[in-house]
């Protein structure tokens, strides 16, 4: 009886937590369809005015394109680097795996403001602030741990005998990995690419430190929230919520397929 009560209480607590996390979405999504010049909830008039305002505003689109470029480059760097690191960790001795995983994922436990400050000081030394490539490198450093964790989990599910068999049949080390292991890693690699892309695309803290003359999309949203609370922010946020949720769901399906 006590265990049943504990289980029921845990489920109630879980759903309260989920509802609390979803509450802002419940407010933002309907409010984005308001046709009023001010943000209303619930909206008194329904329209797509603020979505049109976003798609026809050059500053919003420029910020979006910058975030897309930085996110794609950051995810590419993070995926290649993190995949190589995960494969190297999986092939290392059992004694070294734990410290190597700790070092590879250490940026995850650091507050982003520390990473941002460190990269900012380094960028100042080389005069490389307000540079999209430097921002992409900083975002890649945050994305690498995600890639390492996802790909490493997938590597654990792949039997090393597959590569050994390929080697016995005459394949070299790289060719054996390409034929026997890489195809089975593809779902995990694609999933980690999506996760690392959105880790970059949604970043605000590092971008605020490194960028001044250019604005990423989160920076543009932040500036609007500080200066004037335009309903366009609700429309942009709604688009981000939908795009992020759909991509994360797809990435999670791939991740589960990779470790199944």
C-alpha atoms as a PDB file:
ATOM      1  CA  UNK A   1       0.000   0.000   0.000  1.00  0.00           C
ATOM      2  CA  UNK A   2       2.789   2.377   0.933  1.00  0.00           C
ATOM      3  CA  UNK A   3       4.608   1.642  -2.318  1.00  0.00           C
ATOM      4  CA  UNK A   4       1.395   2.330  -4.282  1.00  0.00           C
ATOM      5  CA  UNK A   5       0.963   5.667  -2.501  1.00  0.00           C
ATOM      6  CA  UNK A   6       4.596   6.567  -3.197  1.00  0.00           C
ATOM      7  CA  UNK A   7       4.191   5.632  -6.868  1.00  0.00           C
ATOM      8  CA  UNK A   8       1.001   7.721  -7.165  1.00  0.00           C
ATOM      9  CA  UNK A   9       2.642  10.685  -5.440  1.00  0.00           C
ATOM     10  CA  UNK A  10       5.633  10.408  -7.792  1.00  0.00           C
ATOM     11  CA  UNK A  11       3.367  10.383 -10.858  1.00  0.00           C
ATOM     12  CA  UNK A  12       1.468  13.426  -9.580  1.00  0.00           C
ATOM     13  CA  UNK A  13       4.744  15.230  -8.904  1.00  0.00           C
ATOM     14  CA  UNK A  14       5.965  14.309 -12.409  1.00  0.00           C
ATOM     15  CA  UNK A  15       2.882  15.696 -14.148  1.00  0.00           C
ATOM     16  CA  UNK A  16       2.917  18.857 -12.023  1.00  0.00           C
ATOM     17  CA  UNK A  17       6.520  19.384 -13.139  1.00  0.00           C
ATOM     18  CA  UNK A  18       5.623  18.780 -16.799  1.00  0.00           C
ATOM     19  CA  UNK A  19       2.684  21.208 -16.638  1.00  0.00           C
ATOM     20  CA  UNK A  20       4.879  23.819 -14.972  1.00  0.00           C
ATOM     21  CA  UNK A  21       7.464  23.511 -17.763  1.00  0.00           C
ATOM     22  CA  UNK A  22       4.798  23.629 -20.479  1.00  0.00           C
ATOM     23  CA  UNK A  23       2.920  26.576 -18.986  1.00  0.00           C
ATOM     24  CA  UNK A  24       4.941  29.279 -20.853  1.00  0.00           C
ATOM     25  CA  UNK A  25       4.288  27.439 -24.140  1.00  0.00           C
ATOM     26  CA  UNK A  26       0.549  27.406 -23.421  1.00  0.00           C
ATOM     27  CA  UNK A  27       0.715  31.202 -23.076  1.00  0.00           C
ATOM     28  CA  UNK A  28       3.088  32.022 -25.943  1.00  0.00           C
ATOM     29  CA  UNK A  29       1.549  29.935 -28.727  1.00  0.00           C
ATOM     30  CA  UNK A  30      -1.997  31.390 -28.587  1.00  0.00           C
ATOM     31  CA  UNK A  31      -0.660  34.909 -27.934  1.00  0.00           C
ATOM     32  CA  UNK A  32       1.404  34.759 -31.143  1.00  0.00           C
ATOM     33  CA  UNK A  33      -1.816  34.645 -33.197  1.00  0.00           C
ATOM     34  CA  UNK A  34      -3.121  37.893 -31.742  1.00  0.00           C
ATOM     35  CA  UNK A  35      -4.028  40.580 -34.291  1.00  0.00           C
ATOM     36  CA  UNK A  36      -3.778  43.286 -31.631  1.00  0.00           C
ATOM     37  CA  UNK A  37      -0.836  45.746 -31.621  1.00  0.00           C
ATOM     38  CA  UNK A  38      -0.194  44.639 -28.043  1.00  0.00           C
ATOM     39  CA  UNK A  39       0.287  41.177 -26.618  1.00  0.00           C
ATOM     40  CA  UNK A  40      -2.927  39.736 -25.215  1.00  0.00           C
ATOM     41  CA  UNK A  41      -3.773  36.431 -23.592  1.00  0.00           C
ATOM     42  CA  UNK A  42      -6.155  35.098 -24.512  1.00  0.00           C
ATOM     43  CA  UNK A  43      -6.043  36.968 -27.842  1.00  0.00           C
ATOM     44  CA  UNK A  44      -9.088  39.132 -28.558  1.00  0.00           C
ATOM     45  CA  UNK A  45      -8.476  39.052 -32.329  1.00  0.00           C
ATOM     46  CA  UNK A  46      -6.919  36.226 -34.309  1.00  0.00           C
ATOM     47  CA  UNK A  47      -4.516  36.866 -37.155  1.00  0.00           C
ATOM     48  CA  UNK A  48      -1.069  36.200 -38.612  1.00  0.00           C
ATOM     49  CA  UNK A  49       0.097  39.816 -38.432  1.00  0.00           C
ATOM     50  CA  UNK A  50       3.128  39.105 -36.235  1.00  0.00           C
ATOM     51  CA  UNK A  51       4.270  36.148 -38.295  1.00  0.00           C
ATOM     52  CA  UNK A  52       4.166  38.393 -41.372  1.00  0.00           C
ATOM     53  CA  UNK A  53       6.064  41.048 -39.407  1.00  0.00           C
ATOM     54  CA  UNK A  54       8.816  38.506 -38.744  1.00  0.00           C
ATOM     55  CA  UNK A  55       9.114  37.199 -42.303  1.00  0.00           C
ATOM     56  CA  UNK A  56       9.143  40.697 -43.829  1.00  0.00           C
ATOM     57  CA  UNK A  57      11.545  42.306 -41.348  1.00  0.00           C
ATOM     58  CA  UNK A  58      15.126  42.301 -42.635  1.00  0.00           C
ATOM     59  CA  UNK A  59      16.665  42.594 -39.145  1.00  0.00           C
ATOM     60  CA  UNK A  60      14.820  39.496 -37.898  1.00  0.00           C
ATOM     61  CA  UNK A  61      15.745  37.518 -41.019  1.00  0.00           C
ATOM     62  CA  UNK A  62      19.393  38.611 -40.851  1.00  0.00           C
ATOM     63  CA  UNK A  63      19.589  37.455 -37.227  1.00  0.00           C
ATOM     64  CA  UNK A  64      17.973  34.141 -38.170  1.00  0.00           C
ATOM     65  CA  UNK A  65      20.381  33.551 -41.053  1.00  0.00           C
ATOM     66  CA  UNK A  66      23.376  34.319 -38.836  1.00  0.00           C
ATOM     67  CA  UNK A  67      22.142  31.825 -36.233  1.00  0.00           C
ATOM     68  CA  UNK A  68      21.621  29.222 -38.966  1.00  0.00           C
ATOM     69  CA  UNK A  69      25.126  29.703 -40.387  1.00  0.00           C
ATOM     70  CA  UNK A  70      26.775  29.598 -36.984  1.00  0.00           C
ATOM     71  CA  UNK A  71      24.663  26.625 -35.881  1.00  0.00           C
ATOM     72  CA  UNK A  72      25.429  24.582 -39.000  1.00  0.00           C
ATOM     73  CA  UNK A  73      29.176  25.233 -38.744  1.00  0.00           C
ATOM     74  CA  UNK A  74      29.210  24.580 -34.990  1.00  0.00           C
ATOM     75  CA  UNK A  75      27.270  21.325 -35.360  1.00  0.00           C
ATOM     76  CA  UNK A  76      29.587  20.162 -38.166  1.00  0.00           C
ATOM     77  CA  UNK A  77      32.701  20.827 -36.056  1.00  0.00           C
ATOM     78  CA  UNK A  78      31.132  19.308 -32.933  1.00  0.00           C
ATOM     79  CA  UNK A  79      29.912  16.213 -34.780  1.00  0.00           C
ATOM     80  CA  UNK A  80      33.246  15.422 -36.418  1.00  0.00           C
ATOM     81  CA  UNK A  81      35.288  16.163 -33.288  1.00  0.00           C
ATOM     82  CA  UNK A  82      32.869  14.463 -30.879  1.00  0.00           C
ATOM     83  CA  UNK A  83      32.461  11.359 -33.062  1.00  0.00           C
ATOM     84  CA  UNK A  84      36.218  10.888 -33.367  1.00  0.00           C
ATOM     85  CA  UNK A  85      36.572  11.394 -29.604  1.00  0.00           C
ATOM     86  CA  UNK A  86      33.781   8.899 -28.845  1.00  0.00           C
ATOM     87  CA  UNK A  87      35.305   6.264 -31.134  1.00  0.00           C
ATOM     88  CA  UNK A  88      38.720   6.832 -29.577  1.00  0.00           C
ATOM     89  CA  UNK A  89      37.272   6.493 -26.073  1.00  0.00           C
ATOM     90  CA  UNK A  90      35.414   3.300 -26.988  1.00  0.00           C
ATOM     91  CA  UNK A  91      38.606   1.769 -28.367  1.00  0.00           C
ATOM     92  CA  UNK A  92      40.772   2.805 -25.410  1.00  0.00           C
ATOM     93  CA  UNK A  93      41.486   0.608 -22.395  1.00  0.00           C
ATOM     94  CA  UNK A  94      38.808   0.185 -19.743  1.00  0.00           C
ATOM     95  CA  UNK A  95      40.963   2.014 -17.195  1.00  0.00           C
ATOM     96  CA  UNK A  96      41.167   5.163 -19.341  1.00  0.00           C
ATOM     97  CA  UNK A  97      37.541   5.377 -20.489  1.00  0.00           C
ATOM     98  CA  UNK A  98      36.078   7.011 -17.375  1.00  0.00           C
ATOM     99  CA  UNK A  99      38.637   9.860 -17.132  1.00  0.00           C
ATOM    100  CA  UNK A 100      38.490  10.405 -20.900  1.00  0.00           C
ATOM    101  CA  UNK A 101      34.686  10.672 -20.876  1.00  0.00           C
ATOM    102  CA  UNK A 102      34.913  13.064 -17.924  1.00  0.00           C
ATOM    103  CA  UNK A 103      37.357  15.305 -19.784  1.00  0.00           C
ATOM    104  CA  UNK A 104      35.336  15.196 -23.003  1.00  0.00           C
ATOM    105  CA  UNK A 105      32.073  16.092 -21.260  1.00  0.00           C
ATOM    106  CA  UNK A 106      33.474  18.566 -18.723  1.00  0.00           C
ATOM    107  CA  UNK A 107      32.087  21.639 -20.589  1.00  0.00           C
ATOM    108  CA  UNK A 108      28.587  20.356 -19.780  1.00  0.00           C
ATOM    109  CA  UNK A 109      29.069  20.904 -16.044  1.00  0.00           C
ATOM    110  CA  UNK A 110      30.629  24.351 -16.435  1.00  0.00           C
ATOM    111  CA  UNK A 111      28.266  27.331 -16.300  1.00  0.00           C
ATOM    112  CA  UNK A 112      28.106  28.801 -19.801  1.00  0.00           C
ATOM    113  CA  UNK A 113      29.065  32.219 -18.515  1.00  0.00           C
ATOM    114  CA  UNK A 114      32.507  30.834 -17.570  1.00  0.00           C
ATOM    115  CA  UNK A 115      32.968  29.430 -21.061  1.00  0.00           C
ATOM    116  CA  UNK A 116      31.753  32.702 -22.563  1.00  0.00           C
ATOM    117  CA  UNK A 117      34.128  34.773 -20.438  1.00  0.00           C
ATOM    118  CA  UNK A 118      37.099  32.526 -21.228  1.00  0.00           C
ATOM    119  CA  UNK A 119      36.459  32.605 -24.981  1.00  0.00           C
ATOM    120  CA  UNK A 120      35.848  36.369 -24.855  1.00  0.00           C
ATOM    121  CA  UNK A 121      39.199  37.028 -23.147  1.00  0.00           C
ATOM    122  CA  UNK A 122      40.963  34.767 -25.667  1.00  0.00           C
ATOM    123  CA  UNK A 123      39.187  36.426 -28.598  1.00  0.00           C
ATOM    124  CA  UNK A 124      40.201  39.864 -27.305  1.00  0.00           C
ATOM    125  CA  UNK A 125      43.860  38.814 -27.328  1.00  0.00           C
ATOM    126  CA  UNK A 126      43.634  37.967 -31.043  1.00  0.00           C
ATOM    127  CA  UNK A 127      41.200  40.735 -32.006  1.00  0.00           C
ATOM    128  CA  UNK A 128      38.639  38.139 -33.040  1.00  0.00           C
ATOM    129  CA  UNK A 129      35.519  39.403 -31.298  1.00  0.00           C
ATOM    130  CA  UNK A 130      32.342  39.901 -33.340  1.00  0.00           C
ATOM    131  CA  UNK A 131      33.421  37.036 -35.566  1.00  0.00           C
ATOM    132  CA  UNK A 132      30.902  34.360 -36.604  1.00  0.00           C
ATOM    133  CA  UNK A 133      33.615  31.709 -36.990  1.00  0.00           C
ATOM    134  CA  UNK A 134      34.900  32.261 -33.457  1.00  0.00           C
ATOM    135  CA  UNK A 135      31.328  32.056 -32.182  1.00  0.00           C
ATOM    136  CA  UNK A 136      30.844  28.773 -34.057  1.00  0.00           C
ATOM    137  CA  UNK A 137      34.010  27.356 -32.464  1.00  0.00           C
ATOM    138  CA  UNK A 138      32.776  28.372 -29.009  1.00  0.00           C
ATOM    139  CA  UNK A 139      29.389  26.775 -29.682  1.00  0.00           C
ATOM    140  CA  UNK A 140      31.117  23.645 -30.981  1.00  0.00           C
ATOM    141  CA  UNK A 141      32.912  23.317 -27.643  1.00  0.00           C
ATOM    142  CA  UNK A 142      29.505  23.188 -25.962  1.00  0.00           C
ATOM    143  CA  UNK A 143      28.174  20.708 -28.536  1.00  0.00           C
ATOM    144  CA  UNK A 144      31.060  18.220 -28.416  1.00  0.00           C
ATOM    145  CA  UNK A 145      30.039  16.691 -25.042  1.00  0.00           C
ATOM    146  CA  UNK A 146      26.549  15.979 -26.417  1.00  0.00           C
ATOM    147  CA  UNK A 147      28.041  14.216 -29.429  1.00  0.00           C
ATOM    148  CA  UNK A 148      30.451  12.217 -27.284  1.00  0.00           C
ATOM    149  CA  UNK A 149      27.698  10.976 -24.985  1.00  0.00           C
ATOM    150  CA  UNK A 150      25.317   9.988 -27.798  1.00  0.00           C
ATOM    151  CA  UNK A 151      27.899   8.343 -30.076  1.00  0.00           C
ATOM    152  CA  UNK A 152      29.663   6.644 -27.165  1.00  0.00           C
ATOM    153  CA  UNK A 153      26.362   5.071 -26.066  1.00  0.00           C
ATOM    154  CA  UNK A 154      25.906   3.751 -29.589  1.00  0.00           C
ATOM    155  CA  UNK A 155      29.472   2.435 -29.742  1.00  0.00           C
ATOM    156  CA  UNK A 156      28.783   0.306 -26.664  1.00  0.00           C
ATOM    157  CA  UNK A 157      26.047  -1.510 -28.588  1.00  0.00           C
ATOM    158  CA  UNK A 158      28.325  -2.448 -31.501  1.00  0.00           C
ATOM    159  CA  UNK A 159      30.257  -5.668 -31.154  1.00  0.00           C
ATOM    160  CA  UNK A 160      34.009  -5.251 -31.804  1.00  0.00           C
ATOM    161  CA  UNK A 161      33.974  -8.644 -33.553  1.00  0.00           C
ATOM    162  CA  UNK A 162      32.452  -6.961 -36.615  1.00  0.00           C
ATOM    163  CA  UNK A 163      35.576  -4.926 -37.235  1.00  0.00           C
ATOM    164  CA  UNK A 164      37.769  -7.905 -36.412  1.00  0.00           C
ATOM    165  CA  UNK A 165      35.931  -9.953 -39.005  1.00  0.00           C
ATOM    166  CA  UNK A 166      36.457  -7.207 -41.581  1.00  0.00           C
ATOM    167  CA  UNK A 167      40.155  -7.113 -40.718  1.00  0.00           C
ATOM    168  CA  UNK A 168      40.403 -10.906 -41.108  1.00  0.00           C
ATOM    169  CA  UNK A 169      38.849 -10.579 -44.559  1.00  0.00           C
ATOM    170  CA  UNK A 170      41.603  -8.172 -45.585  1.00  0.00           C
ATOM    171  CA  UNK A 171      40.229  -4.700 -44.807  1.00  0.00           C
ATOM    172  CA  UNK A 172      42.549  -2.091 -43.331  1.00  0.00           C
ATOM    173  CA  UNK A 173      41.733  -0.357 -40.016  1.00  0.00           C
ATOM    174  CA  UNK A 174      39.988   2.634 -41.618  1.00  0.00           C
ATOM    175  CA  UNK A 175      38.151   0.534 -44.183  1.00  0.00           C
ATOM    176  CA  UNK A 176      37.030  -1.932 -41.515  1.00  0.00           C
ATOM    177  CA  UNK A 177      35.629   0.920 -39.447  1.00  0.00           C
ATOM    178  CA  UNK A 178      33.885   2.425 -42.498  1.00  0.00           C
ATOM    179  CA  UNK A 179      32.275  -0.863 -43.514  1.00  0.00           C
ATOM    180  CA  UNK A 180      31.523  -2.523 -40.167  1.00  0.00           C
ATOM    181  CA  UNK A 181      30.994   0.271 -37.632  1.00  0.00           C
ATOM    182  CA  UNK A 182      30.152   3.559 -39.338  1.00  0.00           C
ATOM    183  CA  UNK A 183      26.799   2.426 -40.865  1.00  0.00           C
ATOM    184  CA  UNK A 184      25.595   1.411 -37.397  1.00  0.00           C
ATOM    185  CA  UNK A 185      26.711   4.751 -35.970  1.00  0.00           C
ATOM    186  CA  UNK A 186      24.836   6.875 -38.523  1.00  0.00           C
ATOM    187  CA  UNK A 187      21.583   7.264 -36.495  1.00  0.00           C
ATOM    188  CA  UNK A 188      23.579   8.382 -33.454  1.00  0.00           C
ATOM    189  CA  UNK A 189      25.703  10.758 -35.530  1.00  0.00           C
ATOM    190  CA  UNK A 190      22.650  12.368 -37.132  1.00  0.00           C
ATOM    191  CA  UNK A 191      20.932  12.668 -33.728  1.00  0.00           C
ATOM    192  CA  UNK A 192      24.010  14.259 -32.158  1.00  0.00           C
ATOM    193  CA  UNK A 193      24.269  16.693 -35.088  1.00  0.00           C
ATOM    194  CA  UNK A 194      20.701  17.873 -34.439  1.00  0.00           C
ATOM    195  CA  UNK A 195      21.280  18.239 -30.698  1.00  0.00           C
ATOM    196  CA  UNK A 196      24.525  20.163 -31.180  1.00  0.00           C
ATOM    197  CA  UNK A 197      22.912  22.409 -33.815  1.00  0.00           C
ATOM    198  CA  UNK A 198      20.169  23.519 -31.445  1.00  0.00           C
ATOM    199  CA  UNK A 199      22.645  23.907 -28.594  1.00  0.00           C
ATOM    200  CA  UNK A 200      24.294  26.527 -30.814  1.00  0.00           C
ATOM    201  CA  UNK A 201      21.141  27.996 -32.369  1.00  0.00           C
ATOM    202  CA  UNK A 202      19.480  28.630 -28.985  1.00  0.00           C
ATOM    203  CA  UNK A 203      22.558  30.014 -27.227  1.00  0.00           C
ATOM    204  CA  UNK A 204      22.367  33.527 -25.817  1.00  0.00           C
ATOM    205  CA  UNK A 205      25.091  33.858 -23.166  1.00  0.00           C
ATOM    206  CA  UNK A 206      28.156  33.102 -25.322  1.00  0.00           C
ATOM    207  CA  UNK A 207      26.726  35.125 -28.215  1.00  0.00           C
ATOM    208  CA  UNK A 208      26.226  38.182 -25.991  1.00  0.00           C
ATOM    209  CA  UNK A 209      29.885  38.077 -24.961  1.00  0.00           C
ATOM    210  CA  UNK A 210      31.372  37.530 -28.419  1.00  0.00           C
ATOM    211  CA  UNK A 211      29.077  39.449 -30.775  1.00  0.00           C
ATOM    212  CA  UNK A 212      28.528  43.202 -30.780  1.00  0.00           C
ATOM    213  CA  UNK A 213      27.992  44.448 -34.320  1.00  0.00           C
ATOM    214  CA  UNK A 214      25.975  41.397 -35.392  1.00  0.00           C
ATOM    215  CA  UNK A 215      22.974  39.788 -33.731  1.00  0.00           C
ATOM    216  CA  UNK A 216      22.010  36.133 -33.595  1.00  0.00           C
ATOM    217  CA  UNK A 217      18.313  35.289 -33.285  1.00  0.00           C
ATOM    218  CA  UNK A 218      18.404  34.797 -29.476  1.00  0.00           C
ATOM    219  CA  UNK A 219      20.240  38.136 -29.190  1.00  0.00           C
ATOM    220  CA  UNK A 220      17.561  39.808 -31.319  1.00  0.00           C
ATOM    221  CA  UNK A 221      14.824  38.351 -29.116  1.00  0.00           C
ATOM    222  CA  UNK A 222      16.685  39.476 -25.998  1.00  0.00           C
ATOM    223  CA  UNK A 223      17.083  43.015 -27.363  1.00  0.00           C
ATOM    224  CA  UNK A 224      13.377  43.205 -28.169  1.00  0.00           C
ATOM    225  CA  UNK A 225      12.444  42.012 -24.693  1.00  0.00           C
ATOM    226  CA  UNK A 226      14.657  44.678 -23.124  1.00  0.00           C
ATOM    227  CA  UNK A 227      13.561  47.610 -25.261  1.00  0.00           C
ATOM    228  CA  UNK A 228       9.960  46.832 -26.164  1.00  0.00           C
ATOM    229  CA  UNK A 229       7.871  43.718 -25.770  1.00  0.00           C
ATOM    230  CA  UNK A 230       6.743  43.327 -29.364  1.00  0.00           C
ATOM    231  CA  UNK A 231       4.255  40.553 -30.205  1.00  0.00           C
ATOM    232  CA  UNK A 232       6.701  39.568 -32.958  1.00  0.00           C
ATOM    233  CA  UNK A 233       8.757  37.945 -30.197  1.00  0.00           C
ATOM    234  CA  UNK A 234       5.834  35.617 -29.440  1.00  0.00           C
ATOM    235  CA  UNK A 235       5.578  34.646 -33.120  1.00  0.00           C
ATOM    236  CA  UNK A 236       9.313  33.965 -33.385  1.00  0.00           C
ATOM    237  CA  UNK A 237       9.275  32.018 -30.122  1.00  0.00           C
ATOM    238  CA  UNK A 238       6.362  29.914 -31.368  1.00  0.00           C
ATOM    239  CA  UNK A 239       8.225  29.064 -34.574  1.00  0.00           C
ATOM    240  CA  UNK A 240      11.302  28.111 -32.536  1.00  0.00           C
ATOM    241  CA  UNK A 241       9.240  25.965 -30.178  1.00  0.00           C
ATOM    242  CA  UNK A 242       7.684  24.030 -33.059  1.00  0.00           C
ATOM    243  CA  UNK A 243      10.944  23.625 -34.997  1.00  0.00           C
ATOM    244  CA  UNK A 244      12.965  22.654 -31.917  1.00  0.00           C
ATOM    245  CA  UNK A 245      10.341  20.207 -30.624  1.00  0.00           C
ATOM    246  CA  UNK A 246       9.999  18.459 -33.997  1.00  0.00           C
ATOM    247  CA  UNK A 247      13.771  18.234 -34.484  1.00  0.00           C
ATOM    248  CA  UNK A 248      14.413  17.028 -30.945  1.00  0.00           C
ATOM    249  CA  UNK A 249      11.702  14.386 -31.283  1.00  0.00           C
ATOM    250  CA  UNK A 250      13.305  13.179 -34.529  1.00  0.00           C
ATOM    251  CA  UNK A 251      16.767  13.187 -32.914  1.00  0.00           C
ATOM    252  CA  UNK A 252      15.479  11.237 -29.912  1.00  0.00           C
ATOM    253  CA  UNK A 253      13.946   8.604 -32.211  1.00  0.00           C
ATOM    254  CA  UNK A 254      17.290   8.266 -33.969  1.00  0.00           C
ATOM    255  CA  UNK A 255      19.139   8.070 -30.647  1.00  0.00           C
ATOM    256  CA  UNK A 256      16.858   5.283 -29.415  1.00  0.00           C
ATOM    257  CA  UNK A 257      17.292   3.449 -32.699  1.00  0.00           C
ATOM    258  CA  UNK A 258      21.050   3.766 -32.338  1.00  0.00           C
ATOM    259  CA  UNK A 259      21.137   2.193 -28.846  1.00  0.00           C
ATOM    260  CA  UNK A 260      18.395  -0.374 -29.462  1.00  0.00           C
END
